[in-house]
Amino acid sequence: DNFKPVNDIFGHDMGDSVLRLFADIVKSHTRAKDVVCRFGGDEFVAFFEDIADEKMVASLARRLNDSFVSGADTLLGKDHGIPLGISMGVARVPDVGRNYKTLFNCADNALYTVKKNGKHSFYIYKNDDSDIEDIKVSGDALSRIVKVVEERGEGTGPMILGIDSFSVVYKFIERYNRKCGFGLLRILCSVTAKVDNKAVLKTASNEFENVLKNALDRSDVVLHHRTNQFFIVIPYKEEPECDKVIKKINDSWNSLKISSEADIDFAYDHK
């Protein structure tokens, strides 16, 4: 759950470390006869024998979550602010059949049920569950996005969000752009005070947020993470002109008096 911000905020090397951590945790909580594989990205698929009891599933989900959260805190620091965890969707044999594709689709639907209802838990697919769970989840996510936009008001700049709202909006934008063949420019900005002064850092970060409000468009989305980190997402149709975007932000920042007391570092990628 919420793995994407690890890559975006801490970098892909740390993201790889978190995935290795999770793989090691899964190994330590499974048996030699169990089959576990990484399906792609942050998704794993497993086949377990003799785990038909719901209490056993609940115990496994709890142990995996507890171990993963503890390990992630060690890797990232306890103040990392990312609500990491594990969601499990379960399909039983022979309750829903023996065909792999059927089992996978049912487990996937069960997984989205967990994601929709708070994450960090499990759900066992039932034969009377709706086959349009994905649509329900998308509708639920869309309603949350609408609320975010409504609360935003009539501002002309980008949406600047906290981690929870940003996660919903970012996932929606990423999926929509991928399906439509558009791309995303992602920029990580870090504000660093030139002297060790928390008051200066806070003032500089607030001023930099104002810079982003004036330099970016309404279609752009910003995560203000911690005091001094900003993650910017810019949808685009053609190849993005990254240098121009960063220059515009940098020029606005350098025109401010506070820029003599703090530096801005940029890292970006686009896909």
C-alpha atoms as a PDB file:
ATOM      1  CA  ASP A   1       0.000   0.000   0.000  1.00  0.00           C
ATOM      2  CA  ASN A   2       1.203   3.517  -0.935  1.00  0.00           C
ATOM      3  CA  PHE A   3       4.535   2.297  -2.288  1.00  0.00           C
ATOM      4  CA  LYS A   4       4.725   4.868  -5.099  1.00  0.00           C
ATOM      5  CA  PRO A   5       5.646   7.828  -2.841  1.00  0.00           C
ATOM      6  CA  VAL A   6       8.739   5.904  -1.675  1.00  0.00           C
ATOM      7  CA  ASN A   7      10.171   6.063  -5.201  1.00  0.00           C
ATOM      8  CA  ASP A   8       8.965   9.609  -5.732  1.00  0.00           C
ATOM      9  CA  ILE A   9      10.247  11.034  -2.452  1.00  0.00           C
ATOM     10  CA  PHE A  10      13.206   8.839  -1.476  1.00  0.00           C
ATOM     11  CA  GLY A  11      14.348   7.658  -4.919  1.00  0.00           C
ATOM     12  CA  HIS A  12      14.267   4.354  -6.779  1.00  0.00           C
ATOM     13  CA  ASP A  13      17.252   2.888  -4.934  1.00  0.00           C
ATOM     14  CA  MET A  14      15.347   3.193  -1.669  1.00  0.00           C
ATOM     15  CA  GLY A  15      12.255   1.845  -3.416  1.00  0.00           C
ATOM     16  CA  ASP A  16      14.269  -1.239  -4.403  1.00  0.00           C
ATOM     17  CA  SER A  17      15.403  -1.633  -0.784  1.00  0.00           C
ATOM     18  CA  VAL A  18      11.791  -1.514   0.411  1.00  0.00           C
ATOM     19  CA  LEU A  19      10.779  -4.172  -2.142  1.00  0.00           C
ATOM     20  CA  ARG A  20      13.674  -6.398  -1.039  1.00  0.00           C
ATOM     21  CA  LEU A  21      12.607  -5.854   2.565  1.00  0.00           C
ATOM     22  CA  PHE A  22       9.085  -6.990   1.749  1.00  0.00           C
ATOM     23  CA  ALA A  23      10.362 -10.038  -0.178  1.00  0.00           C
ATOM     24  CA  ASP A  24      12.479 -11.070   2.796  1.00  0.00           C
ATOM     25  CA  ILE A  25       9.513 -10.628   5.142  1.00  0.00           C
ATOM     26  CA  VAL A  26       7.305 -12.787   2.912  1.00  0.00           C
ATOM     27  CA  LYS A  27      10.003 -15.490   2.865  1.00  0.00           C
ATOM     28  CA  SER A  28      10.191 -15.481   6.641  1.00  0.00           C
ATOM     29  CA  HIS A  29       6.405 -15.921   6.988  1.00  0.00           C
ATOM     30  CA  THR A  30       5.841 -18.611   4.345  1.00  0.00           C
ATOM     31  CA  ARG A  31       6.623 -22.298   4.068  1.00  0.00           C
ATOM     32  CA  ALA A  32       8.716 -24.271   1.607  1.00  0.00           C
ATOM     33  CA  LYS A  33       5.596 -25.637  -0.120  1.00  0.00           C
ATOM     34  CA  ASP A  34       4.077 -22.162  -0.668  1.00  0.00           C
ATOM     35  CA  VAL A  35       4.573 -20.465  -4.038  1.00  0.00           C
ATOM     36  CA  VAL A  36       5.245 -16.714  -4.028  1.00  0.00           C
ATOM     37  CA  CYS A  37       6.218 -14.466  -6.931  1.00  0.00           C
ATOM     38  CA  ARG A  38       6.497 -10.797  -7.741  1.00  0.00           C
ATOM     39  CA  PHE A  39       3.787 -10.139 -10.315  1.00  0.00           C
ATOM     40  CA  GLY A  40       5.012  -6.645 -11.206  1.00  0.00           C
ATOM     41  CA  GLY A  41       5.796  -3.328  -9.573  1.00  0.00           C
ATOM     42  CA  ASP A  42       4.574  -3.550  -5.985  1.00  0.00           C
ATOM     43  CA  GLU A  43       2.215  -6.484  -6.585  1.00  0.00           C
ATOM     44  CA  PHE A  44       2.911 -10.041  -5.460  1.00  0.00           C
ATOM     45  CA  VAL A  45       0.955 -13.249  -6.067  1.00  0.00           C
ATOM     46  CA  ALA A  46       1.039 -16.305  -3.804  1.00  0.00           C
ATOM     47  CA  PHE A  47      -0.487 -19.778  -3.675  1.00  0.00           C
ATOM     48  CA  PHE A  48      -0.876 -21.331  -0.229  1.00  0.00           C
ATOM     49  CA  GLU A  49      -1.927 -24.852   0.664  1.00  0.00           C
ATOM     50  CA  ASP A  50      -4.006 -25.614   3.730  1.00  0.00           C
ATOM     51  CA  ILE A  51      -4.900 -22.032   4.661  1.00  0.00           C
ATOM     52  CA  ALA A  52      -8.674 -22.297   4.410  1.00  0.00           C
ATOM     53  CA  ASP A  53      -9.509 -20.802   7.798  1.00  0.00           C
ATOM     54  CA  GLU A  54     -10.181 -17.056   7.857  1.00  0.00           C
ATOM     55  CA  LYS A  55      -8.325 -16.746  11.169  1.00  0.00           C
ATOM     56  CA  MET A  56      -5.175 -18.079   9.510  1.00  0.00           C
ATOM     57  CA  VAL A  57      -5.495 -15.502   6.719  1.00  0.00           C
ATOM     58  CA  ALA A  58      -6.047 -12.746   9.277  1.00  0.00           C
ATOM     59  CA  SER A  59      -2.987 -13.866  11.235  1.00  0.00           C
ATOM     60  CA  LEU A  60      -0.809 -13.849   8.119  1.00  0.00           C
ATOM     61  CA  ALA A  61      -2.050 -10.389   7.094  1.00  0.00           C
ATOM     62  CA  ARG A  62      -1.392  -9.013  10.569  1.00  0.00           C
ATOM     63  CA  ARG A  63       2.118 -10.505  10.800  1.00  0.00           C
ATOM     64  CA  LEU A  64       3.094  -9.270   7.337  1.00  0.00           C
ATOM     65  CA  ASN A  65       1.825  -5.772   8.074  1.00  0.00           C
ATOM     66  CA  ASP A  66       3.495  -5.523  11.468  1.00  0.00           C
ATOM     67  CA  SER A  67       6.847  -6.765  10.155  1.00  0.00           C
ATOM     68  CA  PHE A  68       6.724  -4.590   7.042  1.00  0.00           C
ATOM     69  CA  VAL A  69       5.812  -1.368   8.861  1.00  0.00           C
ATOM     70  CA  SER A  70       8.545  -1.960  11.431  1.00  0.00           C
ATOM     71  CA  GLY A  71      11.141  -2.692   8.752  1.00  0.00           C
ATOM     72  CA  ALA A  72      10.107   0.320   6.660  1.00  0.00           C
ATOM     73  CA  ASP A  73      10.463   2.601   9.692  1.00  0.00           C
ATOM     74  CA  THR A  74      14.018   1.326  10.125  1.00  0.00           C
ATOM     75  CA  LEU A  75      14.856   1.961   6.454  1.00  0.00           C
ATOM     76  CA  LEU A  76      13.101   5.310   5.965  1.00  0.00           C
ATOM     77  CA  GLY A  77      13.051   6.716   9.487  1.00  0.00           C
ATOM     78  CA  LYS A  78       9.997   6.792  11.723  1.00  0.00           C
ATOM     79  CA  ASP A  79       9.007  10.266  10.468  1.00  0.00           C
ATOM     80  CA  HIS A  80       8.820   9.250   6.787  1.00  0.00           C
ATOM     81  CA  GLY A  81       5.078  10.029   6.759  1.00  0.00           C
ATOM     82  CA  ILE A  82       4.099   7.419   4.136  1.00  0.00           C
ATOM     83  CA  PRO A  83       1.223   5.121   5.213  1.00  0.00           C
ATOM     84  CA  LEU A  84       2.907   1.926   4.039  1.00  0.00           C
ATOM     85  CA  GLY A  85       1.296  -1.437   4.592  1.00  0.00           C
ATOM     86  CA  ILE A  86       0.020  -4.566   2.898  1.00  0.00           C
ATOM     87  CA  SER A  87      -3.415  -5.315   1.428  1.00  0.00           C
ATOM     88  CA  MET A  88      -4.346  -8.902   0.554  1.00  0.00           C
ATOM     89  CA  GLY A  89      -7.073 -10.124  -1.757  1.00  0.00           C
ATOM     90  CA  VAL A  90      -7.872 -13.824  -1.343  1.00  0.00           C
ATOM     91  CA  ALA A  91      -9.622 -16.335  -3.605  1.00  0.00           C
ATOM     92  CA  ARG A  92     -10.202 -19.866  -2.306  1.00  0.00           C
ATOM     93  CA  VAL A  93      -9.926 -23.158  -4.171  1.00  0.00           C
ATOM     94  CA  PRO A  94     -12.347 -24.715  -4.961  1.00  0.00           C
ATOM     95  CA  ASP A  95     -14.886 -22.121  -3.765  1.00  0.00           C
ATOM     96  CA  VAL A  96     -14.445 -19.925  -6.856  1.00  0.00           C
ATOM     97  CA  GLY A  97     -12.956 -22.610  -9.123  1.00  0.00           C
ATOM     98  CA  ARG A  98      -9.530 -23.952 -10.086  1.00  0.00           C
ATOM     99  CA  ASN A  99      -8.760 -21.951 -13.213  1.00  0.00           C
ATOM    100  CA  TYR A 100      -5.808 -19.594 -12.681  1.00  0.00           C
ATOM    101  CA  LYS A 101      -7.344 -16.647 -14.547  1.00  0.00           C
ATOM    102  CA  THR A 102     -10.588 -16.947 -12.580  1.00  0.00           C
ATOM    103  CA  LEU A 103      -8.726 -17.185  -9.285  1.00  0.00           C
ATOM    104  CA  PHE A 104      -6.534 -14.229 -10.166  1.00  0.00           C
ATOM    105  CA  ASN A 105      -9.458 -11.999 -11.167  1.00  0.00           C
ATOM    106  CA  CYS A 106     -11.386 -12.874  -8.000  1.00  0.00           C
ATOM    107  CA  ALA A 107      -8.330 -12.226  -5.805  1.00  0.00           C
ATOM    108  CA  ASP A 108      -7.756  -8.953  -7.645  1.00  0.00           C
ATOM    109  CA  ASN A 109     -11.348  -7.845  -7.039  1.00  0.00           C
ATOM    110  CA  ALA A 110     -10.982  -8.787  -3.374  1.00  0.00           C
ATOM    111  CA  LEU A 111      -7.782  -6.739  -3.220  1.00  0.00           C
ATOM    112  CA  TYR A 112      -9.545  -3.620  -4.524  1.00  0.00           C
ATOM    113  CA  THR A 113     -12.226  -4.116  -1.883  1.00  0.00           C
ATOM    114  CA  VAL A 114      -9.491  -3.846   0.767  1.00  0.00           C
ATOM    115  CA  LYS A 115      -7.951  -0.816  -0.942  1.00  0.00           C
ATOM    116  CA  LYS A 116     -11.345   0.883  -0.996  1.00  0.00           C
ATOM    117  CA  ASN A 117     -11.965   0.299   2.678  1.00  0.00           C
ATOM    118  CA  GLY A 118      -8.852   1.577   4.381  1.00  0.00           C
ATOM    119  CA  LYS A 119      -6.064  -0.779   3.180  1.00  0.00           C
ATOM    120  CA  HIS A 120      -3.612  -2.682   5.426  1.00  0.00           C
ATOM    121  CA  SER A 121      -5.913  -5.684   5.746  1.00  0.00           C
ATOM    122  CA  PHE A 122      -7.412  -8.606   3.769  1.00  0.00           C
ATOM    123  CA  TYR A 123     -10.638  -9.654   2.101  1.00  0.00           C
ATOM    124  CA  ILE A 124     -11.745 -13.120   0.979  1.00  0.00           C
ATOM    125  CA  TYR A 125     -13.688 -13.167  -2.286  1.00  0.00           C
ATOM    126  CA  LYS A 126     -17.230 -14.499  -2.089  1.00  0.00           C
ATOM    127  CA  ASN A 127     -19.174 -15.954  -5.005  1.00  0.00           C
ATOM    128  CA  ASP A 128     -21.896 -13.346  -4.658  1.00  0.00           C
ATOM    129  CA  ASP A 129     -19.430 -10.440  -4.878  1.00  0.00           C
ATOM    130  CA  SER A 130     -20.011  -8.101  -7.803  1.00  0.00           C
ATOM    131  CA  ASP A 131     -17.836  -8.556 -10.883  1.00  0.00           C
ATOM    132  CA  ILE A 132     -17.775  -4.782 -11.341  1.00  0.00           C
ATOM    133  CA  GLU A 133     -15.823  -4.039  -8.178  1.00  0.00           C
ATOM    134  CA  ASP A 134     -13.209  -2.117 -10.176  1.00  0.00           C
ATOM    135  CA  ILE A 135     -15.874   0.265 -11.413  1.00  0.00           C
ATOM    136  CA  LYS A 136     -17.158   0.793  -7.896  1.00  0.00           C
ATOM    137  CA  VAL A 137     -13.652   1.541  -6.687  1.00  0.00           C
ATOM    138  CA  SER A 138     -13.036   3.936  -9.570  1.00  0.00           C
ATOM    139  CA  GLY A 139     -16.307   5.674  -8.777  1.00  0.00           C
ATOM    140  CA  ASP A 140     -15.377   5.934  -5.122  1.00  0.00           C
ATOM    141  CA  ALA A 141     -11.968   7.354  -6.002  1.00  0.00           C
ATOM    142  CA  LEU A 142     -13.571   9.793  -8.429  1.00  0.00           C
ATOM    143  CA  SER A 143     -15.973  11.051  -5.758  1.00  0.00           C
ATOM    144  CA  ARG A 144     -13.014  11.693  -3.463  1.00  0.00           C
ATOM    145  CA  ILE A 145     -11.234  13.577  -6.247  1.00  0.00           C
ATOM    146  CA  VAL A 146     -14.341  15.696  -6.806  1.00  0.00           C
ATOM    147  CA  LYS A 147     -14.353  16.574  -3.102  1.00  0.00           C
ATOM    148  CA  VAL A 148     -10.685  17.553  -3.270  1.00  0.00           C
ATOM    149  CA  VAL A 149     -11.344  19.810  -6.251  1.00  0.00           C
ATOM    150  CA  GLU A 150     -14.431  21.346  -4.650  1.00  0.00           C
ATOM    151  CA  GLU A 151     -12.503  22.152  -1.476  1.00  0.00           C
ATOM    152  CA  ARG A 152      -9.798  23.739  -3.554  1.00  0.00           C
ATOM    153  CA  GLY A 153     -11.928  26.711  -4.524  1.00  0.00           C
ATOM    154  CA  GLU A 154     -11.362  28.989  -7.498  1.00  0.00           C
ATOM    155  CA  GLY A 155      -7.572  29.351  -7.345  1.00  0.00           C
ATOM    156  CA  THR A 156      -5.681  29.662 -10.626  1.00  0.00           C
ATOM    157  CA  GLY A 157      -2.574  27.709  -9.638  1.00  0.00           C
ATOM    158  CA  PRO A 158      -1.945  23.989  -9.098  1.00  0.00           C
ATOM    159  CA  MET A 159      -3.606  21.786  -6.514  1.00  0.00           C
ATOM    160  CA  ILE A 160      -1.333  21.572  -3.461  1.00  0.00           C
ATOM    161  CA  LEU A 161      -2.356  18.529  -1.450  1.00  0.00           C
ATOM    162  CA  GLY A 162      -1.482  16.434   1.580  1.00  0.00           C
ATOM    163  CA  ILE A 163      -0.361  12.828   1.234  1.00  0.00           C
ATOM    164  CA  ASP A 164      -3.813  11.179   1.447  1.00  0.00           C
ATOM    165  CA  SER A 165      -5.550  13.368  -1.150  1.00  0.00           C
ATOM    166  CA  PHE A 166      -2.442  13.401  -3.328  1.00  0.00           C
ATOM    167  CA  SER A 167      -2.283   9.584  -3.411  1.00  0.00           C
ATOM    168  CA  VAL A 168      -5.849   9.375  -4.748  1.00  0.00           C
ATOM    169  CA  VAL A 169      -5.407  12.121  -7.341  1.00  0.00           C
ATOM    170  CA  TYR A 170      -1.987  10.899  -8.478  1.00  0.00           C
ATOM    171  CA  LYS A 171      -3.209   7.338  -9.023  1.00  0.00           C
ATOM    172  CA  PHE A 172      -6.160   8.625 -11.048  1.00  0.00           C
ATOM    173  CA  ILE A 173      -3.955  10.891 -13.205  1.00  0.00           C
ATOM    174  CA  GLU A 174      -1.362   8.171 -13.790  1.00  0.00           C
ATOM    175  CA  ARG A 175      -3.921   5.610 -14.936  1.00  0.00           C
ATOM    176  CA  TYR A 176      -5.825   8.088 -17.101  1.00  0.00           C
ATOM    177  CA  ASN A 177      -2.688   9.410 -18.804  1.00  0.00           C
ATOM    178  CA  ARG A 178      -1.342   5.921 -19.446  1.00  0.00           C
ATOM    179  CA  LYS A 179      -4.604   4.801 -21.038  1.00  0.00           C
ATOM    180  CA  CYS A 180      -4.782   7.934 -23.180  1.00  0.00           C
ATOM    181  CA  GLY A 181      -1.137   7.807 -24.255  1.00  0.00           C
ATOM    182  CA  PHE A 182      -0.164  10.971 -22.380  1.00  0.00           C
ATOM    183  CA  GLY A 183       2.857  11.322 -20.122  1.00  0.00           C
ATOM    184  CA  LEU A 184       3.771  12.697 -16.712  1.00  0.00           C
ATOM    185  CA  LEU A 185       6.602  14.999 -15.727  1.00  0.00           C
ATOM    186  CA  ARG A 186       7.532  14.403 -12.095  1.00  0.00           C
ATOM    187  CA  ILE A 187       9.721  16.874 -10.219  1.00  0.00           C
ATOM    188  CA  LEU A 188      11.023  16.515  -6.679  1.00  0.00           C
ATOM    189  CA  CYS A 189      11.992  19.832  -5.049  1.00  0.00           C
ATOM    190  CA  SER A 190      13.839  20.087  -1.738  1.00  0.00           C
ATOM    191  CA  VAL A 191      14.292  23.325   0.189  1.00  0.00           C
ATOM    192  CA  THR A 192      17.526  23.470   2.216  1.00  0.00           C
ATOM    193  CA  ALA A 193      18.408  26.317   4.581  1.00  0.00           C
ATOM    194  CA  LYS A 194      22.002  27.554   4.216  1.00  0.00           C
ATOM    195  CA  VAL A 195      22.303  27.617   7.996  1.00  0.00           C
ATOM    196  CA  ASP A 196      20.773  25.211  10.500  1.00  0.00           C
ATOM    197  CA  ASN A 197      17.723  27.285  11.365  1.00  0.00           C
ATOM    198  CA  LYS A 198      14.249  25.723  11.541  1.00  0.00           C
ATOM    199  CA  ALA A 199      12.505  29.109  11.381  1.00  0.00           C
ATOM    200  CA  VAL A 200      14.330  29.996   8.169  1.00  0.00           C
ATOM    201  CA  LEU A 201      13.533  26.584   6.678  1.00  0.00           C
ATOM    202  CA  LYS A 202       9.830  26.925   7.472  1.00  0.00           C
ATOM    203  CA  THR A 203       9.658  30.457   6.043  1.00  0.00           C
ATOM    204  CA  ALA A 204      11.569  29.426   2.929  1.00  0.00           C
ATOM    205  CA  SER A 205       9.303  26.404   2.387  1.00  0.00           C
ATOM    206  CA  ASN A 206       6.165  28.539   2.700  1.00  0.00           C
ATOM    207  CA  GLU A 207       7.571  31.048   0.240  1.00  0.00           C
ATOM    208  CA  PHE A 208       8.502  28.282  -2.171  1.00  0.00           C
ATOM    209  CA  GLU A 209       4.945  26.944  -2.023  1.00  0.00           C
ATOM    210  CA  ASN A 210       3.759  30.401  -3.100  1.00  0.00           C
ATOM    211  CA  VAL A 211       6.250  30.301  -5.967  1.00  0.00           C
ATOM    212  CA  LEU A 212       4.752  27.020  -7.161  1.00  0.00           C
ATOM    213  CA  LYS A 213       1.236  28.448  -6.936  1.00  0.00           C
ATOM    214  CA  ASN A 214       2.234  31.239  -9.324  1.00  0.00           C
ATOM    215  CA  ALA A 215       4.545  29.272 -11.621  1.00  0.00           C
ATOM    216  CA  LEU A 216       2.414  26.184 -12.292  1.00  0.00           C
ATOM    217  CA  ASP A 217      -0.921  25.599 -14.021  1.00  0.00           C
ATOM    218  CA  ARG A 218      -4.295  24.408 -12.729  1.00  0.00           C
ATOM    219  CA  SER A 219      -3.723  21.009 -14.326  1.00  0.00           C
ATOM    220  CA  ASP A 220      -0.606  20.417 -12.207  1.00  0.00           C
ATOM    221  CA  VAL A 221      -0.629  18.721  -8.803  1.00  0.00           C
ATOM    222  CA  VAL A 222       1.767  19.268  -5.892  1.00  0.00           C
ATOM    223  CA  LEU A 223       2.418  17.170  -2.798  1.00  0.00           C
ATOM    224  CA  HIS A 224       3.823  19.277   0.061  1.00  0.00           C
ATOM    225  CA  HIS A 225       5.543  16.576   2.091  1.00  0.00           C
ATOM    226  CA  ARG A 226       7.108  17.326   5.477  1.00  0.00           C
ATOM    227  CA  THR A 227       8.322  20.891   5.845  1.00  0.00           C
ATOM    228  CA  ASN A 228      10.702  21.161   2.939  1.00  0.00           C
ATOM    229  CA  GLN A 229       9.831  18.605   0.242  1.00  0.00           C
ATOM    230  CA  PHE A 230       7.552  19.154  -2.749  1.00  0.00           C
ATOM    231  CA  PHE A 231       6.614  16.597  -5.369  1.00  0.00           C
ATOM    232  CA  ILE A 232       5.153  18.051  -8.587  1.00  0.00           C
ATOM    233  CA  VAL A 233       3.178  16.102 -11.188  1.00  0.00           C
ATOM    234  CA  ILE A 234       2.625  17.724 -14.593  1.00  0.00           C
ATOM    235  CA  PRO A 235       0.511  15.891 -17.213  1.00  0.00           C
ATOM    236  CA  TYR A 236       1.607  16.459 -20.804  1.00  0.00           C
ATOM    237  CA  LYS A 237       0.646  15.429 -24.342  1.00  0.00           C
ATOM    238  CA  GLU A 238       3.942  16.164 -26.084  1.00  0.00           C
ATOM    239  CA  GLU A 239       7.506  15.701 -24.812  1.00  0.00           C
ATOM    240  CA  PRO A 240       7.772  17.943 -21.738  1.00  0.00           C
ATOM    241  CA  GLU A 241      10.182  20.883 -21.715  1.00  0.00           C
ATOM    242  CA  CYS A 242      11.580  20.055 -18.281  1.00  0.00           C
ATOM    243  CA  ASP A 243      14.296  22.697 -18.291  1.00  0.00           C
ATOM    244  CA  LYS A 244      11.794  25.462 -19.034  1.00  0.00           C
ATOM    245  CA  VAL A 245       9.524  24.423 -16.172  1.00  0.00           C
ATOM    246  CA  ILE A 246      12.413  24.270 -13.715  1.00  0.00           C
ATOM    247  CA  LYS A 247      13.857  27.562 -14.988  1.00  0.00           C
ATOM    248  CA  LYS A 248      10.507  29.279 -14.480  1.00  0.00           C
ATOM    249  CA  ILE A 249      10.333  28.009 -10.887  1.00  0.00           C
ATOM    250  CA  ASN A 250      13.987  28.857 -10.247  1.00  0.00           C
ATOM    251  CA  ASP A 251      13.714  32.382 -11.656  1.00  0.00           C
ATOM    252  CA  SER A 252      10.672  33.102  -9.484  1.00  0.00           C
ATOM    253  CA  TRP A 253      12.477  31.780  -6.429  1.00  0.00           C
ATOM    254  CA  ASN A 254      15.687  33.705  -7.069  1.00  0.00           C
ATOM    255  CA  SER A 255      13.725  36.950  -7.282  1.00  0.00           C
ATOM    256  CA  LEU A 256      12.776  36.588  -3.610  1.00  0.00           C
ATOM    257  CA  LYS A 257      14.866  37.874  -0.722  1.00  0.00           C
ATOM    258  CA  ILE A 258      14.541  34.575   1.142  1.00  0.00           C
ATOM    259  CA  SER A 259      16.428  32.815  -1.661  1.00  0.00           C
ATOM    260  CA  SER A 260      19.689  34.152  -0.192  1.00  0.00           C
ATOM    261  CA  GLU A 261      19.002  32.041   2.902  1.00  0.00           C
ATOM    262  CA  ALA A 262      17.899  28.768   1.306  1.00  0.00           C
ATOM    263  CA  ASP A 263      18.679  26.648  -1.752  1.00  0.00           C
ATOM    264  CA  ILE A 264      16.327  24.635  -3.958  1.00  0.00           C
ATOM    265  CA  ASP A 265      17.387  21.260  -5.365  1.00  0.00           C
ATOM    266  CA  PHE A 266      15.554  19.621  -8.286  1.00  0.00           C
ATOM    267  CA  ALA A 267      15.332  16.038  -9.482  1.00  0.00           C
ATOM    268  CA  TYR A 268      12.921  14.935 -12.196  1.00  0.00           C
ATOM    269  CA  ASP A 269      11.897  12.240 -14.599  1.00  0.00           C
ATOM    270  CA  HIS A 270       9.180  11.870 -17.219  1.00  0.00           C
ATOM    271  CA  LYS A 271       7.435   8.890 -18.742  1.00  0.00           C
END
